[in-house]
Amino acid sequence: MESAPADEDGTAPGEQAMQTTVALEGDGTVIAQARHLATQFLTRAQTEQGLPVSQRALDLTQLVVSELVTNARKYAPGPVLMDLSIVGDMVEVVVWDSHPVLPVARAADAGRVGQHGLEIVMAVAQGFEIQREPVGKRISARIALLDDPGGAITGRSPL
């Protein structure tokens, strides 16, 4: 894992923004590996940078990583890249894959088994973006490092 110089991420001048990028190749074990890397990254943010990270943020980050990496491994041929970075008071999870088709959240269906990952990620993230790349696509989700002091559940506000 590497620390990268900060730019437009809300980090004060002179501070280092934490960031790491990993290529995930191989079988289904890369999903567990990605969750483990996310946990290590946030633990390092706490111990080395002194950033407060709630247990909820840790759990939600593992969930988001799991869902995004699972989808990338399931639907895209070739490698998957995962980037984790601290952006202000959030952790940003970015997953790139080579499949050019942009995913679409499906309508709610209590009878549907599976295929709820994108809906889950969109529900728990404060920020969510899908961007087409020259090759493939990049999906980004941002999760608050701290829970709301007023006790509100983190995640996007209902529309």
C-alpha atoms as a PDB file:
ATOM      1  CA  MET A   1       0.000   0.000   0.000  1.00  0.00           C
ATOM      2  CA  GLU A   2       1.221   3.472  -0.789  1.00  0.00           C
ATOM      3  CA  SER A   3       0.579   6.988   0.386  1.00  0.00           C
ATOM      4  CA  ALA A   4       0.084   9.417  -2.455  1.00  0.00           C
ATOM      5  CA  PRO A   5       0.326  13.224  -2.413  1.00  0.00           C
ATOM      6  CA  ALA A   6      -3.027  14.902  -1.885  1.00  0.00           C
ATOM      7  CA  ASP A   7      -4.715  16.942  -4.536  1.00  0.00           C
ATOM      8  CA  GLU A   8      -8.394  17.847  -4.592  1.00  0.00           C
ATOM      9  CA  ASP A   9      -9.487  15.387  -1.931  1.00  0.00           C
ATOM     10  CA  GLY A  10     -10.072  17.677   1.014  1.00  0.00           C
ATOM     11  CA  THR A  11      -6.707  16.923   2.591  1.00  0.00           C
ATOM     12  CA  ALA A  12      -4.965  19.939   4.100  1.00  0.00           C
ATOM     13  CA  PRO A  13      -1.887  21.213   2.262  1.00  0.00           C
ATOM     14  CA  GLY A  14       1.228  19.345   3.309  1.00  0.00           C
ATOM     15  CA  GLU A  15      -0.694  16.255   4.441  1.00  0.00           C
ATOM     16  CA  GLN A  16      -0.537  12.894   2.707  1.00  0.00           C
ATOM     17  CA  ALA A  17      -3.658  11.255   1.361  1.00  0.00           C
ATOM     18  CA  MET A  18      -3.727   7.510   1.829  1.00  0.00           C
ATOM     19  CA  GLN A  19      -4.240   5.441  -1.278  1.00  0.00           C
ATOM     20  CA  THR A  20      -3.576   1.922  -2.471  1.00  0.00           C
ATOM     21  CA  THR A  21      -4.280   0.146  -5.753  1.00  0.00           C
ATOM     22  CA  VAL A  22      -4.244  -3.592  -6.286  1.00  0.00           C
ATOM     23  CA  ALA A  23      -4.774  -5.841  -9.310  1.00  0.00           C
ATOM     24  CA  LEU A  24      -7.060  -8.756  -8.482  1.00  0.00           C
ATOM     25  CA  GLU A  25      -6.668 -11.797 -10.680  1.00  0.00           C
ATOM     26  CA  GLY A  26      -7.519 -15.433 -10.230  1.00  0.00           C
ATOM     27  CA  ASP A  27     -10.432 -17.359  -8.813  1.00  0.00           C
ATOM     28  CA  GLY A  28     -13.162 -16.430  -6.352  1.00  0.00           C
ATOM     29  CA  THR A  29     -10.646 -16.120  -3.505  1.00  0.00           C
ATOM     30  CA  VAL A  30      -9.808 -12.613  -4.735  1.00  0.00           C
ATOM     31  CA  ILE A  31     -13.094 -11.399  -3.234  1.00  0.00           C
ATOM     32  CA  ALA A  32     -11.994 -12.413   0.264  1.00  0.00           C
ATOM     33  CA  GLN A  33      -8.539 -10.997  -0.485  1.00  0.00           C
ATOM     34  CA  ALA A  34     -10.103  -7.659  -1.496  1.00  0.00           C
ATOM     35  CA  ARG A  35     -12.147  -7.498   1.739  1.00  0.00           C
ATOM     36  CA  HIS A  36      -9.001  -8.279   3.739  1.00  0.00           C
ATOM     37  CA  LEU A  37      -7.044  -5.548   1.926  1.00  0.00           C
ATOM     38  CA  ALA A  38      -9.833  -3.047   2.649  1.00  0.00           C
ATOM     39  CA  THR A  39      -9.725  -3.933   6.351  1.00  0.00           C
ATOM     40  CA  GLN A  40      -5.930  -3.553   6.415  1.00  0.00           C
ATOM     41  CA  PHE A  41      -6.197  -0.199   4.626  1.00  0.00           C
ATOM     42  CA  LEU A  42      -8.700   1.238   7.110  1.00  0.00           C
ATOM     43  CA  THR A  43      -6.786  -0.179  10.081  1.00  0.00           C
ATOM     44  CA  ARG A  44      -3.684   1.528   8.739  1.00  0.00           C
ATOM     45  CA  ALA A  45      -5.633   4.789   8.352  1.00  0.00           C
ATOM     46  CA  GLN A  46      -6.456   4.547  12.056  1.00  0.00           C
ATOM     47  CA  THR A  47      -3.030   3.559  13.349  1.00  0.00           C
ATOM     48  CA  GLU A  48      -0.699   5.492  11.041  1.00  0.00           C
ATOM     49  CA  GLN A  49      -2.787   8.538  10.166  1.00  0.00           C
ATOM     50  CA  GLY A  50      -4.854   8.762  13.356  1.00  0.00           C
ATOM     51  CA  LEU A  51      -8.106   8.856  11.384  1.00  0.00           C
ATOM     52  CA  PRO A  52     -11.252   7.825  13.216  1.00  0.00           C
ATOM     53  CA  VAL A  53     -12.936   4.868  11.514  1.00  0.00           C
ATOM     54  CA  SER A  54     -16.175   3.499  12.956  1.00  0.00           C
ATOM     55  CA  GLN A  55     -16.919  -0.224  13.047  1.00  0.00           C
ATOM     56  CA  ARG A  56     -19.889   0.522  10.789  1.00  0.00           C
ATOM     57  CA  ALA A  57     -17.580   2.159   8.219  1.00  0.00           C
ATOM     58  CA  LEU A  58     -15.306  -0.874   8.332  1.00  0.00           C
ATOM     59  CA  ASP A  59     -18.250  -3.264   7.854  1.00  0.00           C
ATOM     60  CA  LEU A  60     -19.813  -1.199   5.054  1.00  0.00           C
ATOM     61  CA  THR A  61     -16.485  -0.884   3.257  1.00  0.00           C
ATOM     62  CA  GLN A  62     -16.052  -4.665   3.333  1.00  0.00           C
ATOM     63  CA  LEU A  63     -19.601  -5.073   2.006  1.00  0.00           C
ATOM     64  CA  VAL A  64     -19.106  -2.564  -0.820  1.00  0.00           C
ATOM     65  CA  VAL A  65     -15.746  -4.098  -1.782  1.00  0.00           C
ATOM     66  CA  SER A  66     -17.295  -7.557  -1.773  1.00  0.00           C
ATOM     67  CA  GLU A  67     -20.234  -6.549  -3.969  1.00  0.00           C
ATOM     68  CA  LEU A  68     -18.221  -4.518  -6.488  1.00  0.00           C
ATOM     69  CA  VAL A  69     -15.404  -7.050  -6.838  1.00  0.00           C
ATOM     70  CA  THR A  70     -17.903  -9.933  -7.084  1.00  0.00           C
ATOM     71  CA  ASN A  71     -19.714  -8.187  -9.942  1.00  0.00           C
ATOM     72  CA  ALA A  72     -16.475  -7.353 -11.733  1.00  0.00           C
ATOM     73  CA  ARG A  73     -15.207 -10.936 -11.451  1.00  0.00           C
ATOM     74  CA  LYS A  74     -18.575 -12.354 -12.496  1.00  0.00           C
ATOM     75  CA  TYR A  75     -19.272 -10.196 -15.546  1.00  0.00           C
ATOM     76  CA  ALA A  76     -15.908  -8.958 -16.858  1.00  0.00           C
ATOM     77  CA  PRO A  77     -13.146 -10.922 -18.528  1.00  0.00           C
ATOM     78  CA  GLY A  78      -9.609 -10.228 -17.441  1.00  0.00           C
ATOM     79  CA  PRO A  79      -8.153  -8.352 -14.523  1.00  0.00           C
ATOM     80  CA  VAL A  80      -9.923  -6.219 -11.961  1.00  0.00           C
ATOM     81  CA  LEU A  81      -8.297  -3.210 -10.321  1.00  0.00           C
ATOM     82  CA  MET A  82      -9.353  -1.977  -6.894  1.00  0.00           C
ATOM     83  CA  ASP A  83      -8.319   1.397  -5.585  1.00  0.00           C
ATOM     84  CA  LEU A  84      -8.882   2.495  -1.977  1.00  0.00           C
ATOM     85  CA  SER A  85      -8.283   6.058  -0.872  1.00  0.00           C
ATOM     86  CA  ILE A  86      -9.152   8.425   1.927  1.00  0.00           C
ATOM     87  CA  VAL A  87     -11.014  11.422   0.558  1.00  0.00           C
ATOM     88  CA  GLY A  88     -11.737  13.950   3.279  1.00  0.00           C
ATOM     89  CA  ASP A  89     -13.802  12.099   5.900  1.00  0.00           C
ATOM     90  CA  MET A  90     -14.671   9.212   3.574  1.00  0.00           C
ATOM     91  CA  VAL A  91     -13.109   6.102   2.165  1.00  0.00           C
ATOM     92  CA  GLU A  92     -13.478   5.798  -1.585  1.00  0.00           C
ATOM     93  CA  VAL A  93     -13.649   2.344  -3.149  1.00  0.00           C
ATOM     94  CA  VAL A  94     -13.046   2.281  -6.908  1.00  0.00           C
ATOM     95  CA  VAL A  95     -13.271  -0.925  -8.929  1.00  0.00           C
ATOM     96  CA  TRP A  96     -12.268  -1.013 -12.598  1.00  0.00           C
ATOM     97  CA  ASP A  97     -12.987  -3.872 -14.969  1.00  0.00           C
ATOM     98  CA  SER A  98     -12.688  -4.396 -18.716  1.00  0.00           C
ATOM     99  CA  HIS A  99     -16.376  -5.024 -19.482  1.00  0.00           C
ATOM    100  CA  PRO A 100     -17.806  -2.021 -21.370  1.00  0.00           C
ATOM    101  CA  VAL A 101     -21.458  -2.503 -20.357  1.00  0.00           C
ATOM    102  CA  LEU A 102     -22.528  -0.200 -17.536  1.00  0.00           C
ATOM    103  CA  PRO A 103     -24.510  -1.924 -14.787  1.00  0.00           C
ATOM    104  CA  VAL A 104     -28.037  -0.812 -13.981  1.00  0.00           C
ATOM    105  CA  ALA A 105     -29.775  -1.279 -10.641  1.00  0.00           C
ATOM    106  CA  ARG A 106     -32.819  -3.444 -11.108  1.00  0.00           C
ATOM    107  CA  ALA A 107     -36.274  -2.637  -9.803  1.00  0.00           C
ATOM    108  CA  ALA A 108     -37.068  -3.988  -6.353  1.00  0.00           C
ATOM    109  CA  ASP A 109     -38.367  -7.551  -6.479  1.00  0.00           C
ATOM    110  CA  ALA A 110     -38.726  -9.470  -3.212  1.00  0.00           C
ATOM    111  CA  GLY A 111     -38.982 -12.720  -5.185  1.00  0.00           C
ATOM    112  CA  ARG A 112     -35.669 -12.263  -7.009  1.00  0.00           C
ATOM    113  CA  VAL A 113     -32.820 -14.338  -5.634  1.00  0.00           C
ATOM    114  CA  GLY A 114     -29.489 -12.604  -6.017  1.00  0.00           C
ATOM    115  CA  GLN A 115     -28.509  -9.674  -8.245  1.00  0.00           C
ATOM    116  CA  HIS A 116     -29.063  -7.093  -5.499  1.00  0.00           C
ATOM    117  CA  GLY A 117     -25.412  -6.026  -5.159  1.00  0.00           C
ATOM    118  CA  LEU A 118     -25.630  -2.715  -6.976  1.00  0.00           C
ATOM    119  CA  GLU A 119     -28.780  -1.782  -5.057  1.00  0.00           C
ATOM    120  CA  ILE A 120     -27.012  -2.564  -1.772  1.00  0.00           C
ATOM    121  CA  VAL A 121     -23.961  -0.479  -2.667  1.00  0.00           C
ATOM    122  CA  MET A 122     -26.125   2.468  -3.716  1.00  0.00           C
ATOM    123  CA  ALA A 123     -28.100   2.257  -0.455  1.00  0.00           C
ATOM    124  CA  VAL A 124     -25.104   2.340   1.907  1.00  0.00           C
ATOM    125  CA  ALA A 125     -22.777   4.745   0.078  1.00  0.00           C
ATOM    126  CA  GLN A 126     -22.818   8.520   0.444  1.00  0.00           C
ATOM    127  CA  GLY A 127     -21.517   8.842  -3.095  1.00  0.00           C
ATOM    128  CA  PHE A 128     -21.828   6.491  -6.043  1.00  0.00           C
ATOM    129  CA  GLU A 129     -20.661   6.900  -9.641  1.00  0.00           C
ATOM    130  CA  ILE A 130     -20.264   4.735 -12.723  1.00  0.00           C
ATOM    131  CA  GLN A 131     -17.913   6.020 -15.386  1.00  0.00           C
ATOM    132  CA  ARG A 132     -17.185   4.552 -18.806  1.00  0.00           C
ATOM    133  CA  GLU A 133     -13.456   4.324 -19.516  1.00  0.00           C
ATOM    134  CA  PRO A 134     -11.600   3.923 -22.839  1.00  0.00           C
ATOM    135  CA  VAL A 135     -11.463   0.251 -21.869  1.00  0.00           C
ATOM    136  CA  GLY A 136     -14.198  -0.966 -19.558  1.00  0.00           C
ATOM    137  CA  LYS A 137     -15.709   0.979 -16.702  1.00  0.00           C
ATOM    138  CA  ARG A 138     -14.918   2.379 -13.278  1.00  0.00           C
ATOM    139  CA  ILE A 139     -17.381   2.181 -10.376  1.00  0.00           C
ATOM    140  CA  SER A 140     -16.799   4.409  -7.338  1.00  0.00           C
ATOM    141  CA  ALA A 141     -18.482   4.415  -3.950  1.00  0.00           C
ATOM    142  CA  ARG A 142     -17.738   6.653  -0.966  1.00  0.00           C
ATOM    143  CA  ILE A 143     -18.445   5.620   2.612  1.00  0.00           C
ATOM    144  CA  ALA A 144     -18.285   7.921   5.652  1.00  0.00           C
ATOM    145  CA  LEU A 145     -15.520   7.017   8.096  1.00  0.00           C
ATOM    146  CA  LEU A 146     -17.637   8.085  11.072  1.00  0.00           C
ATOM    147  CA  ASP A 147     -21.273   7.564  11.937  1.00  0.00           C
ATOM    148  CA  ASP A 148     -23.442  10.625  12.317  1.00  0.00           C
ATOM    149  CA  PRO A 149     -23.034  11.943  15.884  1.00  0.00           C
ATOM    150  CA  GLY A 150     -26.820  12.332  16.059  1.00  0.00           C
ATOM    151  CA  GLY A 151     -27.202   8.603  15.531  1.00  0.00           C
ATOM    152  CA  ALA A 152     -28.487   8.795  11.958  1.00  0.00           C
ATOM    153  CA  ILE A 153     -27.711   5.792   9.812  1.00  0.00           C
ATOM    154  CA  THR A 154     -25.033   6.536   7.273  1.00  0.00           C
ATOM    155  CA  GLY A 155     -25.889   6.142   3.621  1.00  0.00           C
ATOM    156  CA  ARG A 156     -27.673   8.143   1.009  1.00  0.00           C
ATOM    157  CA  SER A 157     -30.859   9.945   1.865  1.00  0.00           C
ATOM    158  CA  PRO A 158     -34.039   8.416   0.473  1.00  0.00           C
ATOM    159  CA  LEU A 159     -35.321  10.169  -2.638  1.00  0.00           C
END
